[in-house]
Amino acid sequence: MTNNNYHKLVVLLSYASERLYMNKNFDWSKELWWVLFFGCIGFTIWPLMVYYLGQTLHVDYFVELPLRTWAEEKVYGPLANLNIRALLSLFFLCFPFLFSITIRVLLSFARRT
């Protein structure tokens, strides 16, 4: 990225954050609860839902895999190191939050048109 493009990006981001901060209709407490709610779901309930749904549907991977191994080695274990598996695990755990943000953005675009 060239220096001029970088400067434009910084100006655009600062303008967007200032506009967001100045917007009186933006409810920060609602956004905080939204992040906490879907963050908690993603880090606690979501891995269990995936595991038990996989077992219910008789997916061989989940049928042969104990819950403890799934949790300790596949979901939360990679977070101890900084590598591609940790990023994939973090993406998996944040999926409910990212999905809800995507739905909210799509709905806001649909309301504008």
PDB file of N, CA and C in Angstrom:
ATOM      1  N   MET A   1       0.851  -1.160   0.000  1.00  0.00           N
ATOM      2  CA  MET A   1       0.000   0.000   0.000  1.00  0.00           C
ATOM      3  C   MET A   1       0.907   1.237   0.000  1.00  0.00           C
ATOM      4  N   THR A   2       0.601   2.160  -0.888  1.00  0.00           N
ATOM      5  CA  THR A   2       1.426   3.358  -0.949  1.00  0.00           C
ATOM      6  C   THR A   2       1.102   4.276   0.210  1.00  0.00           C
ATOM      7  N   ASN A   3       1.979   5.245   0.422  1.00  0.00           N
ATOM      8  CA  ASN A   3       1.819   6.171   1.539  1.00  0.00           C
ATOM      9  C   ASN A   3       0.542   6.994   1.380  1.00  0.00           C
ATOM     10  N   ASN A   4       0.218   7.392   0.158  1.00  0.00           N
ATOM     11  CA  ASN A   4      -0.982   8.189  -0.091  1.00  0.00           C
ATOM     12  C   ASN A   4      -2.242   7.375   0.207  1.00  0.00           C
ATOM     13  N   ASN A   5      -2.260   6.113  -0.238  1.00  0.00           N
ATOM     14  CA  ASN A   5      -3.406   5.252   0.038  1.00  0.00           C
ATOM     15  C   ASN A   5      -3.538   4.969   1.527  1.00  0.00           C
ATOM     16  N   TYR A   6      -2.408   4.795   2.183  1.00  0.00           N
ATOM     17  CA  TYR A   6      -2.419   4.572   3.625  1.00  0.00           C
ATOM     18  C   TYR A   6      -3.009   5.782   4.345  1.00  0.00           C
ATOM     19  N   HIS A   7      -2.611   6.967   3.923  1.00  0.00           N
ATOM     20  CA  HIS A   7      -3.121   8.191   4.534  1.00  0.00           C
ATOM     21  C   HIS A   7      -4.633   8.307   4.312  1.00  0.00           C
ATOM     22  N   LYS A   8      -5.106   7.981   3.117  1.00  0.00           N
ATOM     23  CA  LYS A   8      -6.544   8.021   2.836  1.00  0.00           C
ATOM     24  C   LYS A   8      -7.301   7.033   3.713  1.00  0.00           C
ATOM     25  N   LEU A   9      -6.723   5.839   3.906  1.00  0.00           N
ATOM     26  CA  LEU A   9      -7.362   4.834   4.740  1.00  0.00           C
ATOM     27  C   LEU A   9      -7.450   5.299   6.191  1.00  0.00           C
ATOM     28  N   VAL A  10      -6.384   5.902   6.691  1.00  0.00           N
ATOM     29  CA  VAL A  10      -6.376   6.405   8.070  1.00  0.00           C
ATOM     30  C   VAL A  10      -7.411   7.505   8.239  1.00  0.00           C
ATOM     31  N   VAL A  11      -7.504   8.394   7.276  1.00  0.00           N
ATOM     32  CA  VAL A  11      -8.483   9.482   7.348  1.00  0.00           C
ATOM     33  C   VAL A  11      -9.893   8.920   7.307  1.00  0.00           C
ATOM     34  N   LEU A  12     -10.127   7.950   6.429  1.00  0.00           N
ATOM     35  CA  LEU A  12     -11.450   7.348   6.319  1.00  0.00           C
ATOM     36  C   LEU A  12     -11.841   6.634   7.609  1.00  0.00           C
ATOM     37  N   LEU A  13     -10.917   5.872   8.188  1.00  0.00           N
ATOM     38  CA  LEU A  13     -11.219   5.167   9.433  1.00  0.00           C
ATOM     39  C   LEU A  13     -11.442   6.122  10.595  1.00  0.00           C
ATOM     40  N   SER A  14     -10.654   7.192  10.654  1.00  0.00           N
ATOM     41  CA  SER A  14     -10.848   8.146  11.737  1.00  0.00           C
ATOM     42  C   SER A  14     -12.179   8.878  11.583  1.00  0.00           C
ATOM     43  N   TYR A  15     -12.553   9.183  10.333  1.00  0.00           N
ATOM     44  CA  TYR A  15     -13.844   9.824  10.089  1.00  0.00           C
ATOM     45  C   TYR A  15     -14.986   8.889  10.477  1.00  0.00           C
ATOM     46  N   ALA A  16     -14.855   7.603  10.100  1.00  0.00           N
ATOM     47  CA  ALA A  16     -15.905   6.637  10.420  1.00  0.00           C
ATOM     48  C   ALA A  16     -16.035   6.450  11.926  1.00  0.00           C
ATOM     49  N   SER A  17     -14.911   6.365  12.630  1.00  0.00           N
ATOM     50  CA  SER A  17     -14.989   6.170  14.081  1.00  0.00           C
ATOM     51  C   SER A  17     -15.530   7.424  14.777  1.00  0.00           C
ATOM     52  N   GLU A  18     -15.163   8.602  14.272  1.00  0.00           N
ATOM     53  CA  GLU A  18     -15.689   9.838  14.858  1.00  0.00           C
ATOM     54  C   GLU A  18     -17.181   9.955  14.607  1.00  0.00           C
ATOM     55  N   ARG A  19     -17.601   9.592  13.418  1.00  0.00           N
ATOM     56  CA  ARG A  19     -19.028   9.649  13.089  1.00  0.00           C
ATOM     57  C   ARG A  19     -19.802   8.654  13.947  1.00  0.00           C
ATOM     58  N   LEU A  20     -19.233   7.472  14.164  1.00  0.00           N
ATOM     59  CA  LEU A  20     -19.868   6.466  15.005  1.00  0.00           C
ATOM     60  C   LEU A  20     -19.952   6.945  16.449  1.00  0.00           C
ATOM     61  N   TYR A  21     -18.895   7.577  16.924  1.00  0.00           N
ATOM     62  CA  TYR A  21     -18.872   8.079  18.293  1.00  0.00           C
ATOM     63  C   TYR A  21     -19.873   9.209  18.470  1.00  0.00           C
ATOM     64  N   MET A  22     -20.012  10.045  17.456  1.00  0.00           N
ATOM     65  CA  MET A  22     -20.897  11.196  17.555  1.00  0.00           C
ATOM     66  C   MET A  22     -22.357  10.833  17.320  1.00  0.00           C
ATOM     67  N   ASN A  23     -22.630   9.660  16.773  1.00  0.00           N
ATOM     68  CA  ASN A  23     -23.988   9.251  16.482  1.00  0.00           C
ATOM     69  C   ASN A  23     -24.733   8.985  17.788  1.00  0.00           C
ATOM     70  N   LYS A  24     -25.747   9.763  18.045  1.00  0.00           N
ATOM     71  CA  LYS A  24     -26.492   9.624  19.303  1.00  0.00           C
ATOM     72  C   LYS A  24     -27.442   8.434  19.273  1.00  0.00           C
ATOM     73  N   ASN A  25     -27.723   7.902  18.085  1.00  0.00           N
ATOM     74  CA  ASN A  25     -28.623   6.756  17.983  1.00  0.00           C
ATOM     75  C   ASN A  25     -27.910   5.432  18.195  1.00  0.00           C
ATOM     76  N   PHE A  26     -26.607   5.466  18.312  1.00  0.00           N
ATOM     77  CA  PHE A  26     -25.830   4.245  18.484  1.00  0.00           C
ATOM     78  C   PHE A  26     -25.787   3.902  19.968  1.00  0.00           C
ATOM     79  N   ASP A  27     -26.292   2.746  20.317  1.00  0.00           N
ATOM     80  CA  ASP A  27     -26.377   2.327  21.711  1.00  0.00           C
ATOM     81  C   ASP A  27     -25.224   1.386  22.032  1.00  0.00           C
ATOM     82  N   TRP A  28     -24.200   1.931  22.715  1.00  0.00           N
ATOM     83  CA  TRP A  28     -23.009   1.138  23.023  1.00  0.00           C
ATOM     84  C   TRP A  28     -23.319   0.005  23.983  1.00  0.00           C
ATOM     85  N   SER A  29     -24.241   0.194  24.908  1.00  0.00           N
ATOM     86  CA  SER A  29     -24.552  -0.880  25.855  1.00  0.00           C
ATOM     87  C   SER A  29     -25.192  -2.064  25.136  1.00  0.00           C
ATOM     88  N   LYS A  30     -26.044  -1.780  24.155  1.00  0.00           N
ATOM     89  CA  LYS A  30     -26.649  -2.858  23.372  1.00  0.00           C
ATOM     90  C   LYS A  30     -25.583  -3.618  22.591  1.00  0.00           C
ATOM     91  N   GLU A  31     -24.641  -2.890  22.024  1.00  0.00           N
ATOM     92  CA  GLU A  31     -23.565  -3.540  21.261  1.00  0.00           C
ATOM     93  C   GLU A  31     -22.677  -4.381  22.171  1.00  0.00           C
ATOM     94  N   LEU A  32     -22.407  -3.903  23.368  1.00  0.00           N
ATOM     95  CA  LEU A  32     -21.599  -4.663  24.311  1.00  0.00           C
ATOM     96  C   LEU A  32     -22.297  -5.962  24.690  1.00  0.00           C
ATOM     97  N   TRP A  33     -23.595  -5.885  24.978  1.00  0.00           N
ATOM     98  CA  TRP A  33     -24.332  -7.091  25.319  1.00  0.00           C
ATOM     99  C   TRP A  33     -24.398  -8.049  24.140  1.00  0.00           C
ATOM    100  N   TRP A  34     -24.492  -7.501  22.937  1.00  0.00           N
ATOM    101  CA  TRP A  34     -24.519  -8.332  21.730  1.00  0.00           C
ATOM    102  C   TRP A  34     -23.220  -9.132  21.609  1.00  0.00           C
ATOM    103  N   VAL A  35     -22.092  -8.454  21.796  1.00  0.00           N
ATOM    104  CA  VAL A  35     -20.784  -9.110  21.713  1.00  0.00           C
ATOM    105  C   VAL A  35     -20.636 -10.139  22.830  1.00  0.00           C
ATOM    106  N   LEU A  36     -21.024  -9.783  24.035  1.00  0.00           N
ATOM    107  CA  LEU A  36     -20.903 -10.717  25.156  1.00  0.00           C
ATOM    108  C   LEU A  36     -21.792 -11.938  24.977  1.00  0.00           C
ATOM    109  N   PHE A  37     -23.003 -11.709  24.513  1.00  0.00           N
ATOM    110  CA  PHE A  37     -23.954 -12.815  24.328  1.00  0.00           C
ATOM    111  C   PHE A  37     -23.433 -13.820  23.304  1.00  0.00           C
ATOM    112  N   PHE A  38     -23.087 -13.333  22.120  1.00  0.00           N
ATOM    113  CA  PHE A  38     -22.639 -14.253  21.081  1.00  0.00           C
ATOM    114  C   PHE A  38     -21.216 -14.745  21.325  1.00  0.00           C
ATOM    115  N   GLY A  39     -20.425 -13.970  22.047  1.00  0.00           N
ATOM    116  CA  GLY A  39     -19.108 -14.456  22.444  1.00  0.00           C
ATOM    117  C   GLY A  39     -19.205 -15.621  23.414  1.00  0.00           C
ATOM    118  N   CYS A  40     -20.103 -15.506  24.380  1.00  0.00           N
ATOM    119  CA  CYS A  40     -20.303 -16.605  25.335  1.00  0.00           C
ATOM    120  C   CYS A  40     -20.881 -17.839  24.656  1.00  0.00           C
ATOM    121  N   ILE A  41     -21.815 -17.631  23.748  1.00  0.00           N
ATOM    122  CA  ILE A  41     -22.370 -18.767  23.010  1.00  0.00           C
ATOM    123  C   ILE A  41     -21.270 -19.452  22.205  1.00  0.00           C
ATOM    124  N   GLY A  42     -20.448 -18.661  21.535  1.00  0.00           N
ATOM    125  CA  GLY A  42     -19.402 -19.223  20.691  1.00  0.00           C
ATOM    126  C   GLY A  42     -18.355 -19.994  21.455  1.00  0.00           C
ATOM    127  N   PHE A  43     -18.014 -19.542  22.648  1.00  0.00           N
ATOM    128  CA  PHE A  43     -16.949 -20.199  23.400  1.00  0.00           C
ATOM    129  C   PHE A  43     -17.455 -21.295  24.328  1.00  0.00           C
ATOM    130  N   THR A  44     -18.768 -21.409  24.548  1.00  0.00           N
ATOM    131  CA  THR A  44     -19.269 -22.436  25.461  1.00  0.00           C
ATOM    132  C   THR A  44     -20.253 -23.391  24.789  1.00  0.00           C
ATOM    133  N   ILE A  45     -21.319 -22.875  24.232  1.00  0.00           N
ATOM    134  CA  ILE A  45     -22.398 -23.726  23.723  1.00  0.00           C
ATOM    135  C   ILE A  45     -22.123 -24.234  22.312  1.00  0.00           C
ATOM    136  N   TRP A  46     -21.563 -23.386  21.460  1.00  0.00           N
ATOM    137  CA  TRP A  46     -21.341 -23.721  20.058  1.00  0.00           C
ATOM    138  C   TRP A  46     -20.503 -24.992  19.861  1.00  0.00           C
ATOM    139  N   PRO A  47     -19.353 -25.161  20.536  1.00  0.00           N
ATOM    140  CA  PRO A  47     -18.597 -26.411  20.337  1.00  0.00           C
ATOM    141  C   PRO A  47     -19.385 -27.654  20.760  1.00  0.00           C
ATOM    142  N   LEU A  48     -20.169 -27.531  21.823  1.00  0.00           N
ATOM    143  CA  LEU A  48     -20.990 -28.675  22.253  1.00  0.00           C
ATOM    144  C   LEU A  48     -22.089 -28.968  21.248  1.00  0.00           C
ATOM    145  N   MET A  49     -22.697 -27.932  20.702  1.00  0.00           N
ATOM    146  CA  MET A  49     -23.734 -28.136  19.689  1.00  0.00           C
ATOM    147  C   MET A  49     -23.165 -28.860  18.473  1.00  0.00           C
ATOM    148  N   VAL A  50     -22.001 -28.445  18.024  1.00  0.00           N
ATOM    149  CA  VAL A  50     -21.387 -29.074  16.858  1.00  0.00           C
ATOM    150  C   VAL A  50     -21.045 -30.525  17.162  1.00  0.00           C
ATOM    151  N   TYR A  51     -20.471 -30.764  18.327  1.00  0.00           N
ATOM    152  CA  TYR A  51     -20.076 -32.122  18.695  1.00  0.00           C
ATOM    153  C   TYR A  51     -21.288 -33.052  18.787  1.00  0.00           C
ATOM    154  N   TYR A  52     -22.318 -32.628  19.525  1.00  0.00           N
ATOM    155  CA  TYR A  52     -23.470 -33.511  19.714  1.00  0.00           C
ATOM    156  C   TYR A  52     -24.315 -33.627  18.454  1.00  0.00           C
ATOM    157  N   LEU A  53     -24.343 -32.602  17.632  1.00  0.00           N
ATOM    158  CA  LEU A  53     -25.038 -32.717  16.347  1.00  0.00           C
ATOM    159  C   LEU A  53     -24.304 -33.709  15.441  1.00  0.00           C
ATOM    160  N   GLY A  54     -22.981 -33.655  15.461  1.00  0.00           N
ATOM    161  CA  GLY A  54     -22.201 -34.618  14.695  1.00  0.00           C
ATOM    162  C   GLY A  54     -22.429 -36.044  15.159  1.00  0.00           C
ATOM    163  N   GLN A  55     -22.546 -36.225  16.463  1.00  0.00           N
ATOM    164  CA  GLN A  55     -22.829 -37.565  16.988  1.00  0.00           C
ATOM    165  C   GLN A  55     -24.249 -38.009  16.642  1.00  0.00           C
ATOM    166  N   THR A  56     -25.185 -37.090  16.716  1.00  0.00           N
ATOM    167  CA  THR A  56     -26.569 -37.422  16.401  1.00  0.00           C
ATOM    168  C   THR A  56     -26.729 -37.824  14.937  1.00  0.00           C
ATOM    169  N   LEU A  57     -25.990 -37.143  14.072  1.00  0.00           N
ATOM    170  CA  LEU A  57     -26.057 -37.462  12.645  1.00  0.00           C
ATOM    171  C   LEU A  57     -25.137 -38.617  12.255  1.00  0.00           C
ATOM    172  N   HIS A  58     -24.499 -39.234  13.240  1.00  0.00           N
ATOM    173  CA  HIS A  58     -23.607 -40.380  13.055  1.00  0.00           C
ATOM    174  C   HIS A  58     -22.459 -40.075  12.096  1.00  0.00           C
ATOM    175  N   VAL A  59     -21.870 -38.895  12.260  1.00  0.00           N
ATOM    176  CA  VAL A  59     -20.663 -38.553  11.514  1.00  0.00           C
ATOM    177  C   VAL A  59     -19.520 -39.330  12.148  1.00  0.00           C
ATOM    178  N   ASP A  60     -18.829 -40.125  11.346  1.00  0.00           N
ATOM    179  CA  ASP A  60     -17.797 -41.025  11.879  1.00  0.00           C
ATOM    180  C   ASP A  60     -16.757 -40.285  12.723  1.00  0.00           C
ATOM    181  N   TYR A  61     -16.374 -39.101  12.292  1.00  0.00           N
ATOM    182  CA  TYR A  61     -15.365 -38.330  13.026  1.00  0.00           C
ATOM    183  C   TYR A  61     -15.802 -38.072  14.467  1.00  0.00           C
ATOM    184  N   PHE A  62     -17.061 -37.669  14.660  1.00  0.00           N
ATOM    185  CA  PHE A  62     -17.552 -37.344  16.000  1.00  0.00           C
ATOM    186  C   PHE A  62     -17.946 -38.588  16.789  1.00  0.00           C
ATOM    187  N   VAL A  63     -18.372 -39.637  16.113  1.00  0.00           N
ATOM    188  CA  VAL A  63     -18.751 -40.871  16.814  1.00  0.00           C
ATOM    189  C   VAL A  63     -17.524 -41.496  17.456  1.00  0.00           C
ATOM    190  N   GLU A  64     -16.380 -41.482  16.754  1.00  0.00           N
ATOM    191  CA  GLU A  64     -15.160 -42.092  17.271  1.00  0.00           C
ATOM    192  C   GLU A  64     -14.368 -41.188  18.201  1.00  0.00           C
ATOM    193  N   LEU A  65     -14.707 -39.910  18.261  1.00  0.00           N
ATOM    194  CA  LEU A  65     -13.932 -38.930  19.025  1.00  0.00           C
ATOM    195  C   LEU A  65     -14.599 -38.649  20.372  1.00  0.00           C
ATOM    196  N   PRO A  66     -13.891 -38.848  21.485  1.00  0.00           N
ATOM    197  CA  PRO A  66     -14.469 -38.499  22.793  1.00  0.00           C
ATOM    198  C   PRO A  66     -14.614 -36.976  22.939  1.00  0.00           C
ATOM    199  N   LEU A  67     -15.568 -36.570  23.753  1.00  0.00           N
ATOM    200  CA  LEU A  67     -15.831 -35.147  23.961  1.00  0.00           C
ATOM    201  C   LEU A  67     -14.605 -34.432  24.522  1.00  0.00           C
ATOM    202  N   ARG A  68     -13.915 -35.076  25.440  1.00  0.00           N
ATOM    203  CA  ARG A  68     -12.732 -34.445  26.054  1.00  0.00           C
ATOM    204  C   ARG A  68     -11.644 -34.175  25.012  1.00  0.00           C
ATOM    205  N   THR A  69     -11.430 -35.112  24.116  1.00  0.00           N
ATOM    206  CA  THR A  69     -10.451 -34.924  23.052  1.00  0.00           C
ATOM    207  C   THR A  69     -10.882 -33.806  22.121  1.00  0.00           C
ATOM    208  N   TRP A  70     -12.162 -33.773  21.788  1.00  0.00           N
ATOM    209  CA  TRP A  70     -12.697 -32.703  20.934  1.00  0.00           C
ATOM    210  C   TRP A  70     -12.446 -31.348  21.573  1.00  0.00           C
ATOM    211  N   ALA A  71     -12.741 -31.228  22.840  1.00  0.00           N
ATOM    212  CA  ALA A  71     -12.598 -29.935  23.513  1.00  0.00           C
ATOM    213  C   ALA A  71     -11.139 -29.551  23.724  1.00  0.00           C
ATOM    214  N   GLU A  72     -10.350 -30.473  24.272  1.00  0.00           N
ATOM    215  CA  GLU A  72      -8.980 -30.130  24.664  1.00  0.00           C
ATOM    216  C   GLU A  72      -8.002 -30.068  23.499  1.00  0.00           C
ATOM    217  N   GLU A  73      -8.168 -30.934  22.514  1.00  0.00           N
ATOM    218  CA  GLU A  73      -7.179 -30.991  21.443  1.00  0.00           C
ATOM    219  C   GLU A  73      -7.622 -30.318  20.152  1.00  0.00           C
ATOM    220  N   LYS A  74      -8.909 -30.272  19.905  1.00  0.00           N
ATOM    221  CA  LYS A  74      -9.379 -29.746  18.624  1.00  0.00           C
ATOM    222  C   LYS A  74      -9.896 -28.314  18.719  1.00  0.00           C
ATOM    223  N   VAL A  75     -10.612 -27.988  19.792  1.00  0.00           N
ATOM    224  CA  VAL A  75     -11.255 -26.667  19.870  1.00  0.00           C
ATOM    225  C   VAL A  75     -10.412 -25.676  20.659  1.00  0.00           C
ATOM    226  N   TYR A  76     -10.150 -25.970  21.919  1.00  0.00           N
ATOM    227  CA  TYR A  76      -9.463 -24.999  22.781  1.00  0.00           C
ATOM    228  C   TYR A  76      -7.945 -25.182  22.824  1.00  0.00           C
ATOM    229  N   GLY A  77      -7.462 -26.380  22.576  1.00  0.00           N
ATOM    230  CA  GLY A  77      -6.032 -26.661  22.651  1.00  0.00           C
ATOM    231  C   GLY A  77      -5.174 -25.830  21.717  1.00  0.00           C
ATOM    232  N   PRO A  78      -5.571 -25.669  20.444  1.00  0.00           N
ATOM    233  CA  PRO A  78      -4.735 -24.883  19.528  1.00  0.00           C
ATOM    234  C   PRO A  78      -4.584 -23.413  19.921  1.00  0.00           C
ATOM    235  N   LEU A  79      -5.423 -22.906  20.781  1.00  0.00           N
ATOM    236  CA  LEU A  79      -5.339 -21.501  21.183  1.00  0.00           C
ATOM    237  C   LEU A  79      -4.098 -21.213  22.019  1.00  0.00           C
ATOM    238  N   ALA A  80      -3.433 -22.255  22.499  1.00  0.00           N
ATOM    239  CA  ALA A  80      -2.232 -22.066  23.316  1.00  0.00           C
ATOM    240  C   ALA A  80      -1.048 -21.596  22.484  1.00  0.00           C
ATOM    241  N   ASN A  81      -1.060 -21.885  21.190  1.00  0.00           N
ATOM    242  CA  ASN A  81       0.036 -21.503  20.301  1.00  0.00           C
ATOM    243  C   ASN A  81      -0.481 -20.536  19.235  1.00  0.00           C
ATOM    244  N   LEU A  82       0.434 -19.783  18.681  1.00  0.00           N
ATOM    245  CA  LEU A  82       0.054 -18.862  17.616  1.00  0.00           C
ATOM    246  C   LEU A  82       0.442 -19.483  16.279  1.00  0.00           C
ATOM    247  N   ASN A  83      -0.524 -20.151  15.661  1.00  0.00           N
ATOM    248  CA  ASN A  83      -0.312 -20.759  14.357  1.00  0.00           C
ATOM    249  C   ASN A  83      -1.637 -20.786  13.604  1.00  0.00           C
ATOM    250  N   ILE A  84      -1.651 -21.440  12.456  1.00  0.00           N
ATOM    251  CA  ILE A  84      -2.858 -21.450  11.635  1.00  0.00           C
ATOM    252  C   ILE A  84      -3.992 -22.217  12.321  1.00  0.00           C
ATOM    253  N   ARG A  85      -3.662 -23.267  13.075  1.00  0.00           N
ATOM    254  CA  ARG A  85      -4.711 -24.001  13.791  1.00  0.00           C
ATOM    255  C   ARG A  85      -5.370 -23.133  14.854  1.00  0.00           C
ATOM    256  N   ALA A  86      -4.587 -22.270  15.485  1.00  0.00           N
ATOM    257  CA  ALA A  86      -5.156 -21.367  16.491  1.00  0.00           C
ATOM    258  C   ALA A  86      -6.104 -20.376  15.830  1.00  0.00           C
ATOM    259  N   LEU A  87      -5.735 -19.882  14.668  1.00  0.00           N
ATOM    260  CA  LEU A  87      -6.615 -18.950  13.957  1.00  0.00           C
ATOM    261  C   LEU A  87      -7.900 -19.635  13.504  1.00  0.00           C
ATOM    262  N   LEU A  88      -7.780 -20.865  13.029  1.00  0.00           N
ATOM    263  CA  LEU A  88      -8.975 -21.609  12.627  1.00  0.00           C
ATOM    264  C   LEU A  88      -9.864 -21.908  13.832  1.00  0.00           C
ATOM    265  N   SER A  89      -9.250 -22.252  14.946  1.00  0.00           N
ATOM    266  CA  SER A  89     -10.014 -22.513  16.160  1.00  0.00           C
ATOM    267  C   SER A  89     -10.709 -21.241  16.648  1.00  0.00           C
ATOM    268  N   LEU A  90      -9.999 -20.131  16.596  1.00  0.00           N
ATOM    269  CA  LEU A  90     -10.595 -18.858  16.992  1.00  0.00           C
ATOM    270  C   LEU A  90     -11.736 -18.468  16.061  1.00  0.00           C
ATOM    271  N   PHE A  91     -11.555 -18.702  14.772  1.00  0.00           N
ATOM    272  CA  PHE A  91     -12.639 -18.443  13.818  1.00  0.00           C
ATOM    273  C   PHE A  91     -13.844 -19.321  14.128  1.00  0.00           C
ATOM    274  N   PHE A  92     -13.604 -20.600  14.431  1.00  0.00           N
ATOM    275  CA  PHE A  92     -14.688 -21.514  14.781  1.00  0.00           C
ATOM    276  C   PHE A  92     -15.433 -21.033  16.023  1.00  0.00           C
ATOM    277  N   LEU A  93     -14.686 -20.602  17.040  1.00  0.00           N
ATOM    278  CA  LEU A  93     -15.314 -20.164  18.286  1.00  0.00           C
ATOM    279  C   LEU A  93     -16.048 -18.839  18.121  1.00  0.00           C
ATOM    280  N   CYS A  94     -15.577 -17.990  17.232  1.00  0.00           N
ATOM    281  CA  CYS A  94     -16.220 -16.690  17.001  1.00  0.00           C
ATOM    282  C   CYS A  94     -17.280 -16.747  15.913  1.00  0.00           C
ATOM    283  N   PHE A  95     -17.504 -17.916  15.336  1.00  0.00           N
ATOM    284  CA  PHE A  95     -18.450 -18.031  14.229  1.00  0.00           C
ATOM    285  C   PHE A  95     -19.855 -17.525  14.570  1.00  0.00           C
ATOM    286  N   PRO A  96     -20.444 -17.868  15.717  1.00  0.00           N
ATOM    287  CA  PRO A  96     -21.788 -17.337  16.002  1.00  0.00           C
ATOM    288  C   PRO A  96     -21.819 -15.805  16.015  1.00  0.00           C
ATOM    289  N   PHE A  97     -20.798 -15.187  16.583  1.00  0.00           N
ATOM    290  CA  PHE A  97     -20.739 -13.728  16.603  1.00  0.00           C
ATOM    291  C   PHE A  97     -20.563 -13.165  15.190  1.00  0.00           C
ATOM    292  N   LEU A  98     -19.651 -13.736  14.420  1.00  0.00           N
ATOM    293  CA  LEU A  98     -19.417 -13.258  13.056  1.00  0.00           C
ATOM    294  C   LEU A  98     -20.650 -13.464  12.182  1.00  0.00           C
ATOM    295  N   PHE A  99     -21.345 -14.569  12.376  1.00  0.00           N
ATOM    296  CA  PHE A  99     -22.566 -14.829  11.622  1.00  0.00           C
ATOM    297  C   PHE A  99     -23.657 -13.820  11.982  1.00  0.00           C
ATOM    298  N   SER A 100     -23.783 -13.509  13.260  1.00  0.00           N
ATOM    299  CA  SER A 100     -24.801 -12.542  13.670  1.00  0.00           C
ATOM    300  C   SER A 100     -24.484 -11.146  13.142  1.00  0.00           C
ATOM    301  N   ILE A 101     -23.198 -10.779  13.119  1.00  0.00           N
ATOM    302  CA  ILE A 101     -22.805  -9.481  12.555  1.00  0.00           C
ATOM    303  C   ILE A 101     -23.127  -9.443  11.067  1.00  0.00           C
ATOM    304  N   THR A 102     -22.864 -10.533  10.358  1.00  0.00           N
ATOM    305  CA  THR A 102     -23.170 -10.593   8.929  1.00  0.00           C
ATOM    306  C   THR A 102     -24.660 -10.417   8.687  1.00  0.00           C
ATOM    307  N   ILE A 103     -25.477 -11.088   9.471  1.00  0.00           N
ATOM    308  CA  ILE A 103     -26.933 -10.956   9.336  1.00  0.00           C
ATOM    309  C   ILE A 103     -27.366  -9.519   9.613  1.00  0.00           C
ATOM    310  N   ARG A 104     -26.803  -8.895  10.639  1.00  0.00           N
ATOM    311  CA  ARG A 104     -27.166  -7.517  10.957  1.00  0.00           C
ATOM    312  C   ARG A 104     -26.778  -6.559   9.843  1.00  0.00           C
ATOM    313  N   VAL A 105     -25.600  -6.751   9.271  1.00  0.00           N
ATOM    314  CA  VAL A 105     -25.158  -5.877   8.177  1.00  0.00           C
ATOM    315  C   VAL A 105     -26.045  -6.062   6.956  1.00  0.00           C
ATOM    316  N   LEU A 106     -26.364  -7.312   6.621  1.00  0.00           N
ATOM    317  CA  LEU A 106     -27.232  -7.563   5.478  1.00  0.00           C
ATOM    318  C   LEU A 106     -28.624  -6.979   5.684  1.00  0.00           C
ATOM    319  N   LEU A 107     -29.143  -7.080   6.901  1.00  0.00           N
ATOM    320  CA  LEU A 107     -30.449  -6.500   7.182  1.00  0.00           C
ATOM    321  C   LEU A 107     -30.423  -4.970   7.117  1.00  0.00           C
ATOM    322  N   SER A 108     -29.339  -4.365   7.574  1.00  0.00           N
ATOM    323  CA  SER A 108     -29.252  -2.905   7.506  1.00  0.00           C
ATOM    324  C   SER A 108     -29.144  -2.441   6.050  1.00  0.00           C
ATOM    325  N   PHE A 109     -28.426  -3.202   5.207  1.00  0.00           N
ATOM    326  CA  PHE A 109     -28.365  -2.862   3.782  1.00  0.00           C
ATOM    327  C   PHE A 109     -29.723  -3.048   3.127  1.00  0.00           C
ATOM    328  N   ALA A 110     -30.448  -4.082   3.530  1.00  0.00           N
ATOM    329  CA  ALA A 110     -31.774  -4.345   2.950  1.00  0.00           C
ATOM    330  C   ALA A 110     -32.764  -3.247   3.346  1.00  0.00           C
ATOM    331  N   ARG A 111     -32.638  -2.703   4.559  1.00  0.00           N
ATOM    332  CA  ARG A 111     -33.526  -1.622   4.987  1.00  0.00           C
ATOM    333  C   ARG A 111     -33.285  -0.338   4.220  1.00  0.00           C
ATOM    334  N   ARG A 112     -32.030  -0.108   3.812  1.00  0.00           N
ATOM    335  CA  ARG A 112     -31.688   1.129   3.112  1.00  0.00           C
ATOM    336  C   ARG A 112     -32.227   1.163   1.687  1.00  0.00           C
ATOM    337  N   THR A 113     -32.381  -0.017   1.088  1.00  0.00           N
ATOM    338  CA  THR A 113     -32.842  -0.029  -0.306  1.00  0.00           C
ATOM    339  C   THR A 113     -34.321  -0.150  -0.420  1.00  0.00           C
TER     340      THR A 113
END
